[in-house]
Amino acid sequence: QGVFFETLKDGDAVKSPVTVNMIVKGMEVEPAGELNEGKGHHHIIINNQYIEFGGTVPSDSVNIHYGGGQTSDSLDLNPGKYTLTMQFADGWHRSYGKQLSKTIKVMVK
């Protein structure tokens, strides 16, 4: 069980827009809104860490919700160093915690 960046690795140097492909194992992706056991959706948190189990993922410019059930995106990021955290959460945006998160650092050229 866990989440993974399909094509990005920790320490990668990338160009903007940064393509993010999100994979979850042991859970099923579905749109936000319903609360179903074993299901949820992805979030990307920019320059911050995972959200504790049960905590609500904020919704703002650095906490990106994929409540439509999306598993990929292109992020427009200015040049610099970034921490990207993928966080899986339930249909009400409540975090599944550290075990369903993955944090990497990338350099945008």
C-alpha atoms as a PDB file:
ATOM      1  CA  GLN A   1       0.000   0.000   0.000  1.00  0.00           C
ATOM      2  CA  GLY A   2       1.292   3.445  -0.836  1.00  0.00           C
ATOM      3  CA  VAL A   3       1.521   6.268  -3.349  1.00  0.00           C
ATOM      4  CA  PHE A   4       4.200   6.799  -5.954  1.00  0.00           C
ATOM      5  CA  PHE A   5       5.325   9.331  -8.520  1.00  0.00           C
ATOM      6  CA  GLU A   6       5.409   7.348 -11.762  1.00  0.00           C
ATOM      7  CA  THR A   7       8.049   9.367 -13.616  1.00  0.00           C
ATOM      8  CA  LEU A   8       9.587  11.783 -11.082  1.00  0.00           C
ATOM      9  CA  LYS A   9      12.360  10.750  -8.715  1.00  0.00           C
ATOM     10  CA  ASP A  10      13.814  12.478  -5.676  1.00  0.00           C
ATOM     11  CA  GLY A  11      16.546  14.858  -6.836  1.00  0.00           C
ATOM     12  CA  ASP A  12      15.349  15.154 -10.457  1.00  0.00           C
ATOM     13  CA  ALA A  13      16.088  18.302 -12.449  1.00  0.00           C
ATOM     14  CA  VAL A  14      13.013  19.129 -14.558  1.00  0.00           C
ATOM     15  CA  LYS A  15      11.566  21.817 -16.796  1.00  0.00           C
ATOM     16  CA  SER A  16       8.244  23.580 -16.257  1.00  0.00           C
ATOM     17  CA  PRO A  17       5.517  22.578 -16.777  1.00  0.00           C
ATOM     18  CA  VAL A  18       6.339  19.579 -14.574  1.00  0.00           C
ATOM     19  CA  THR A  19       4.349  16.478 -15.479  1.00  0.00           C
ATOM     20  CA  VAL A  20       3.155  14.600 -12.398  1.00  0.00           C
ATOM     21  CA  ASN A  21       1.757  11.068 -12.742  1.00  0.00           C
ATOM     22  CA  MET A  22       0.274   9.769  -9.484  1.00  0.00           C
ATOM     23  CA  ILE A  23      -0.094   6.085  -8.611  1.00  0.00           C
ATOM     24  CA  VAL A  24      -1.780   4.557  -5.562  1.00  0.00           C
ATOM     25  CA  LYS A  25      -1.496   0.906  -4.552  1.00  0.00           C
ATOM     26  CA  GLY A  26      -3.911  -0.767  -2.163  1.00  0.00           C
ATOM     27  CA  MET A  27      -6.611   1.880  -2.594  1.00  0.00           C
ATOM     28  CA  GLU A  28      -8.963   2.928  -5.385  1.00  0.00           C
ATOM     29  CA  VAL A  29      -9.133   6.386  -6.949  1.00  0.00           C
ATOM     30  CA  GLU A  30     -12.586   7.985  -7.124  1.00  0.00           C
ATOM     31  CA  PRO A  31     -13.903  11.569  -7.280  1.00  0.00           C
ATOM     32  CA  ALA A  32     -14.332  13.517  -4.040  1.00  0.00           C
ATOM     33  CA  GLY A  33     -17.708  13.879  -2.358  1.00  0.00           C
ATOM     34  CA  GLU A  34     -18.568  10.351  -1.253  1.00  0.00           C
ATOM     35  CA  LEU A  35     -16.982   8.657   1.756  1.00  0.00           C
ATOM     36  CA  ASN A  36     -16.131   5.090   0.703  1.00  0.00           C
ATOM     37  CA  GLU A  37     -13.757   2.797   2.558  1.00  0.00           C
ATOM     38  CA  GLY A  38     -10.589   2.021   0.651  1.00  0.00           C
ATOM     39  CA  LYS A  39     -11.154   4.845  -1.817  1.00  0.00           C
ATOM     40  CA  GLY A  40     -10.109   8.464  -2.236  1.00  0.00           C
ATOM     41  CA  HIS A  41      -8.238  10.908  -4.415  1.00  0.00           C
ATOM     42  CA  HIS A  42      -4.817  12.496  -4.834  1.00  0.00           C
ATOM     43  CA  HIS A  43      -3.435  15.850  -3.722  1.00  0.00           C
ATOM     44  CA  ILE A  44      -0.103  17.513  -4.454  1.00  0.00           C
ATOM     45  CA  ILE A  45       1.290  19.663  -1.660  1.00  0.00           C
ATOM     46  CA  ILE A  46       3.989  22.109  -2.777  1.00  0.00           C
ATOM     47  CA  ASN A  47       6.833  22.874  -0.340  1.00  0.00           C
ATOM     48  CA  ASN A  48       5.273  21.116   2.617  1.00  0.00           C
ATOM     49  CA  GLN A  49       5.067  17.643   4.134  1.00  0.00           C
ATOM     50  CA  TYR A  50       2.300  15.065   4.496  1.00  0.00           C
ATOM     51  CA  ILE A  51      -0.877  15.775   6.462  1.00  0.00           C
ATOM     52  CA  GLU A  52      -1.431  13.732   9.638  1.00  0.00           C
ATOM     53  CA  PHE A  53      -4.021  10.940   9.420  1.00  0.00           C
ATOM     54  CA  GLY A  54      -7.544  12.413   9.623  1.00  0.00           C
ATOM     55  CA  GLY A  55      -6.396  15.987   8.992  1.00  0.00           C
ATOM     56  CA  THR A  56      -8.160  17.875   6.208  1.00  0.00           C
ATOM     57  CA  VAL A  57      -6.041  18.814   3.212  1.00  0.00           C
ATOM     58  CA  PRO A  58      -6.319  22.606   2.740  1.00  0.00           C
ATOM     59  CA  SER A  59      -7.413  23.965  -0.632  1.00  0.00           C
ATOM     60  CA  ASP A  60      -5.202  26.770  -1.914  1.00  0.00           C
ATOM     61  CA  SER A  61      -2.450  27.483  -4.445  1.00  0.00           C
ATOM     62  CA  VAL A  62       0.040  25.122  -2.755  1.00  0.00           C
ATOM     63  CA  ASN A  63      -2.401  22.331  -1.827  1.00  0.00           C
ATOM     64  CA  ILE A  64      -3.741  21.070  -5.134  1.00  0.00           C
ATOM     65  CA  HIS A  65      -6.803  18.823  -5.065  1.00  0.00           C
ATOM     66  CA  TYR A  66      -7.554  16.213  -7.703  1.00  0.00           C
ATOM     67  CA  GLY A  67     -11.139  15.716  -6.574  1.00  0.00           C
ATOM     68  CA  GLY A  68     -12.231  14.677 -10.048  1.00  0.00           C
ATOM     69  CA  GLY A  69     -10.219  11.493  -9.661  1.00  0.00           C
ATOM     70  CA  GLN A  70      -7.347  12.739 -11.835  1.00  0.00           C
ATOM     71  CA  THR A  71      -4.087  10.774 -11.760  1.00  0.00           C
ATOM     72  CA  SER A  72      -1.879  13.215 -13.681  1.00  0.00           C
ATOM     73  CA  ASP A  73      -1.288  16.944 -14.019  1.00  0.00           C
ATOM     74  CA  SER A  74       1.153  19.527 -15.360  1.00  0.00           C
ATOM     75  CA  LEU A  75       2.417  21.976 -12.741  1.00  0.00           C
ATOM     76  CA  ASP A  76       3.605  25.415 -13.826  1.00  0.00           C
ATOM     77  CA  LEU A  77       6.497  26.103 -11.455  1.00  0.00           C
ATOM     78  CA  ASN A  78       9.040  28.926 -11.545  1.00  0.00           C
ATOM     79  CA  PRO A  79      12.730  27.936 -11.563  1.00  0.00           C
ATOM     80  CA  GLY A  80      13.985  26.826  -8.155  1.00  0.00           C
ATOM     81  CA  LYS A  81      13.997  24.013  -5.604  1.00  0.00           C
ATOM     82  CA  TYR A  82      10.683  22.405  -4.668  1.00  0.00           C
ATOM     83  CA  THR A  83       9.402  19.777  -2.284  1.00  0.00           C
ATOM     84  CA  LEU A  84       6.458  17.906  -3.793  1.00  0.00           C
ATOM     85  CA  THR A  85       4.301  15.758  -1.526  1.00  0.00           C
ATOM     86  CA  MET A  86       1.656  13.465  -2.952  1.00  0.00           C
ATOM     87  CA  GLN A  87      -1.088  12.879  -0.371  1.00  0.00           C
ATOM     88  CA  PHE A  88      -3.971  10.451  -0.772  1.00  0.00           C
ATOM     89  CA  ALA A  89      -7.136  11.378   1.109  1.00  0.00           C
ATOM     90  CA  ASP A  90     -10.725  10.208   1.446  1.00  0.00           C
ATOM     91  CA  GLY A  91     -13.762  11.643  -0.314  1.00  0.00           C
ATOM     92  CA  TRP A  92     -14.033  14.368   2.303  1.00  0.00           C
ATOM     93  CA  HIS A  93     -10.356  15.401   1.819  1.00  0.00           C
ATOM     94  CA  ARG A  94      -9.281  13.791   5.116  1.00  0.00           C
ATOM     95  CA  SER A  95      -5.711  12.531   4.884  1.00  0.00           C
ATOM     96  CA  TYR A  96      -4.844   8.857   5.010  1.00  0.00           C
ATOM     97  CA  GLY A  97      -1.608   9.993   6.674  1.00  0.00           C
ATOM     98  CA  LYS A  98       2.075   9.356   6.163  1.00  0.00           C
ATOM     99  CA  GLN A  99       1.645   5.788   4.867  1.00  0.00           C
ATOM    100  CA  LEU A 100      -0.279   7.130   1.848  1.00  0.00           C
ATOM    101  CA  SER A 101       2.062  10.022   1.104  1.00  0.00           C
ATOM    102  CA  LYS A 102       5.330  10.397  -0.801  1.00  0.00           C
ATOM    103  CA  THR A 103       7.657  13.403  -0.668  1.00  0.00           C
ATOM    104  CA  ILE A 104      10.364  14.180  -3.211  1.00  0.00           C
ATOM    105  CA  LYS A 105      12.585  17.176  -3.945  1.00  0.00           C
ATOM    106  CA  VAL A 106      13.008  18.461  -7.496  1.00  0.00           C
ATOM    107  CA  MET A 107      14.914  21.302  -9.137  1.00  0.00           C
ATOM    108  CA  VAL A 108      13.012  23.243 -11.788  1.00  0.00           C
ATOM    109  CA  LYS A 109      15.423  24.682 -14.380  1.00  0.00           C
END
